């Protein structure tokens, strides 16, 4: 069976730390401290937001497959984006705050959907690469292969 579809065991402390680091990077990314183009600032920030969503669901569902976590994260990110089509005073009040704007966004934008897919894809690829190498190393050790 393909590793993307196999349940794995994630370390919650590591995923929490990675989430905090990516949030910090995302805030820096969207600040004026980095000389980024407006395109890269906007969509790179959106991709980082989606990566945090992936890490958050990896934290919550620490034993689910990478594929499942990636799909749940993508559905959540897209649901948040589509929710921006809904405007009622109560949710617009939340969106007008700094935290509400960072989490919920403000206005629907189709290219954001692609940026979210890229961010979550980076998380899926990184996790798949890590666990593939980890499993290969464990397999080599169990075969009695010399350690390097």
Protein backbone atom coordinates (compact mmCIF):
# COMPACT_ATOMS: atom_id res chain seq x y z
CA UNK A 1 0.00 0.00 0.00
CA UNK A 2 1.23 3.49 -0.79
CA UNK A 3 2.68 5.37 2.19
CA UNK A 4 0.39 8.38 1.61
CA UNK A 5 -2.61 6.18 2.45
CA UNK A 6 -1.04 4.35 5.43
CA UNK A 7 -1.70 5.55 8.97
CA UNK A 8 1.41 7.03 10.59
CA UNK A 9 2.35 8.33 14.03
CA UNK A 10 3.08 12.07 14.22
CA UNK A 11 4.76 13.76 17.16
CA UNK A 12 2.33 16.35 18.53
CA UNK A 13 5.06 18.48 20.14
CA UNK A 14 6.94 18.64 16.83
CA UNK A 15 3.79 19.54 14.89
CA UNK A 16 2.94 22.22 17.46
CA UNK A 17 6.46 23.66 17.17
CA UNK A 18 6.32 23.55 13.36
CA UNK A 19 2.94 25.28 13.45
CA UNK A 20 4.29 28.10 15.62
CA UNK A 21 7.34 28.47 13.37
CA UNK A 22 5.21 28.62 10.20
CA UNK A 23 2.86 31.15 11.83
CA UNK A 24 5.89 33.31 12.65
CA UNK A 25 7.18 32.93 9.11
CA UNK A 26 3.75 33.81 7.74
CA UNK A 27 3.55 36.99 9.82
CA UNK A 28 7.05 37.95 8.70
CA UNK A 29 6.15 37.06 5.10
CA UNK A 30 3.16 39.41 5.14
CA UNK A 31 5.05 42.22 6.89
CA UNK A 32 6.98 44.94 5.11
CA UNK A 33 10.28 43.54 6.44
CA UNK A 34 10.82 41.21 3.46
CA UNK A 35 11.23 42.72 -0.01
CA UNK A 36 8.67 40.48 -1.72
CA UNK A 37 6.52 41.28 -4.72
CA UNK A 38 2.86 41.81 -3.92
CA UNK A 39 2.05 38.52 -5.72
CA UNK A 40 4.58 36.53 -3.69
CA UNK A 41 3.58 38.27 -0.46
CA UNK A 42 -0.13 37.54 -0.97
CA UNK A 43 -0.07 34.02 -2.32
CA UNK A 44 2.99 32.89 -0.40
CA UNK A 45 1.26 34.03 2.76
CA UNK A 46 -1.87 32.12 1.74
CA UNK A 47 0.22 28.99 1.10
CA UNK A 48 1.84 29.35 4.53
CA UNK A 49 -1.61 29.74 6.12
CA UNK A 50 -2.68 26.50 4.44
CA UNK A 51 0.50 24.78 5.63
CA UNK A 52 -0.46 25.75 9.20
CA UNK A 53 -3.89 24.23 8.57
CA UNK A 54 -2.20 20.99 7.42
CA UNK A 55 0.05 20.98 10.49
CA UNK A 56 -2.94 21.67 12.74
CA UNK A 57 -4.90 18.75 11.36
CA UNK A 58 -1.74 16.61 11.58
CA UNK A 59 -1.57 17.59 15.26
CA UNK A 60 -5.24 16.75 15.85
CA UNK A 61 -5.29 13.54 13.80
CA UNK A 62 -1.83 12.34 14.80
CA UNK A 63 -2.41 8.76 13.62
CA UNK A 64 -4.21 9.40 10.33
CA UNK A 65 -2.65 8.94 6.93
CA UNK A 66 -0.93 11.83 5.19
CA UNK A 67 -3.51 11.64 2.41
CA UNK A 68 -6.42 11.91 4.84
CA UNK A 69 -4.85 14.83 6.72
CA UNK A 70 -4.08 16.58 3.43
CA UNK A 71 -7.63 16.16 2.12
CA UNK A 72 -9.22 17.30 5.39
CA UNK A 73 -6.91 20.33 5.47
CA UNK A 74 -7.73 21.20 1.86
CA UNK A 75 -11.47 20.89 2.47
CA UNK A 76 -11.19 23.09 5.56
CA UNK A 77 -9.09 25.74 3.79
CA UNK A 78 -11.44 25.82 0.82
CA UNK A 79 -14.47 25.97 3.15
CA UNK A 80 -12.97 29.01 4.86
CA UNK A 81 -12.40 30.62 1.46
CA UNK A 82 -15.93 29.87 0.26
CA UNK A 83 -17.30 31.18 3.58
CA UNK A 84 -15.99 34.58 2.50
CA UNK A 85 -18.90 34.73 0.06
CA UNK A 86 -21.16 34.99 3.12
CA UNK A 87 -21.40 38.43 4.69
CA UNK A 88 -23.42 39.00 7.82
CA UNK A 89 -22.69 41.65 10.44
CA UNK A 90 -21.58 39.14 13.08
CA UNK A 91 -18.97 37.40 10.90
CA UNK A 92 -17.81 40.61 9.26
CA UNK A 93 -17.21 42.00 12.76
CA UNK A 94 -14.98 38.99 13.50
CA UNK A 95 -13.20 39.37 10.14
CA UNK A 96 -12.51 43.05 10.89
CA UNK A 97 -10.23 42.10 13.80
CA UNK A 98 -6.56 41.29 13.19
CA UNK A 99 -6.90 37.67 14.30
CA UNK A 100 -10.26 37.21 12.56
CA UNK A 101 -8.84 38.59 9.33
CA UNK A 102 -5.80 36.30 9.53
CA UNK A 103 -7.89 33.20 10.20
CA UNK A 104 -11.05 33.84 8.16
CA UNK A 105 -9.90 36.27 5.47
CA UNK A 106 -12.22 38.91 4.10
CA UNK A 107 -13.15 38.42 0.45
CA UNK A 108 -13.43 35.40 -1.82
CA UNK A 109 -10.59 35.09 -4.34
CA UNK A 110 -10.33 32.04 -6.65
CA UNK A 111 -6.49 32.12 -6.87
CA UNK A 112 -6.40 31.65 -3.08
CA UNK A 113 -7.75 28.14 -3.64
CA UNK A 114 -4.64 27.30 -5.68
CA UNK A 115 -2.35 28.87 -3.07
CA UNK A 116 -3.96 26.70 -0.39
CA UNK A 117 -3.42 23.60 -2.51
CA UNK A 118 0.25 24.54 -2.91
CA UNK A 119 0.74 25.08 0.83
CA UNK A 120 -0.97 21.83 1.77
CA UNK A 121 0.88 20.06 -1.04
CA UNK A 122 4.17 21.23 0.47
CA UNK A 123 3.10 19.79 3.82
CA UNK A 124 2.03 16.49 2.25
CA UNK A 125 5.27 16.22 0.27
CA UNK A 126 7.46 17.08 3.27
CA UNK A 127 5.65 14.60 5.51
CA UNK A 128 5.68 11.87 2.89
CA UNK A 129 9.41 12.39 2.29
CA UNK A 130 10.19 12.34 6.01
CA UNK A 131 8.19 9.19 6.77
CA UNK A 132 9.40 7.41 3.63
CA UNK A 133 13.02 7.96 4.67
CA UNK A 134 12.26 7.09 8.29
CA UNK A 135 10.59 3.82 7.26
CA UNK A 136 13.47 2.98 4.90
CA UNK A 137 16.01 3.58 7.69
CA UNK A 138 14.01 1.45 10.14
CA UNK A 139 13.68 -1.30 7.53
CA UNK A 140 17.46 -1.26 6.90
CA UNK A 141 18.16 -1.50 10.65
CA UNK A 142 15.78 -4.43 11.07
CA UNK A 143 17.51 -6.27 8.22
CA UNK A 144 20.78 -6.09 10.09
CA UNK A 145 22.34 -3.71 7.59
CA UNK A 146 25.33 -1.79 8.90
CA UNK A 147 24.55 1.62 10.37
CA UNK A 148 26.03 4.67 8.73
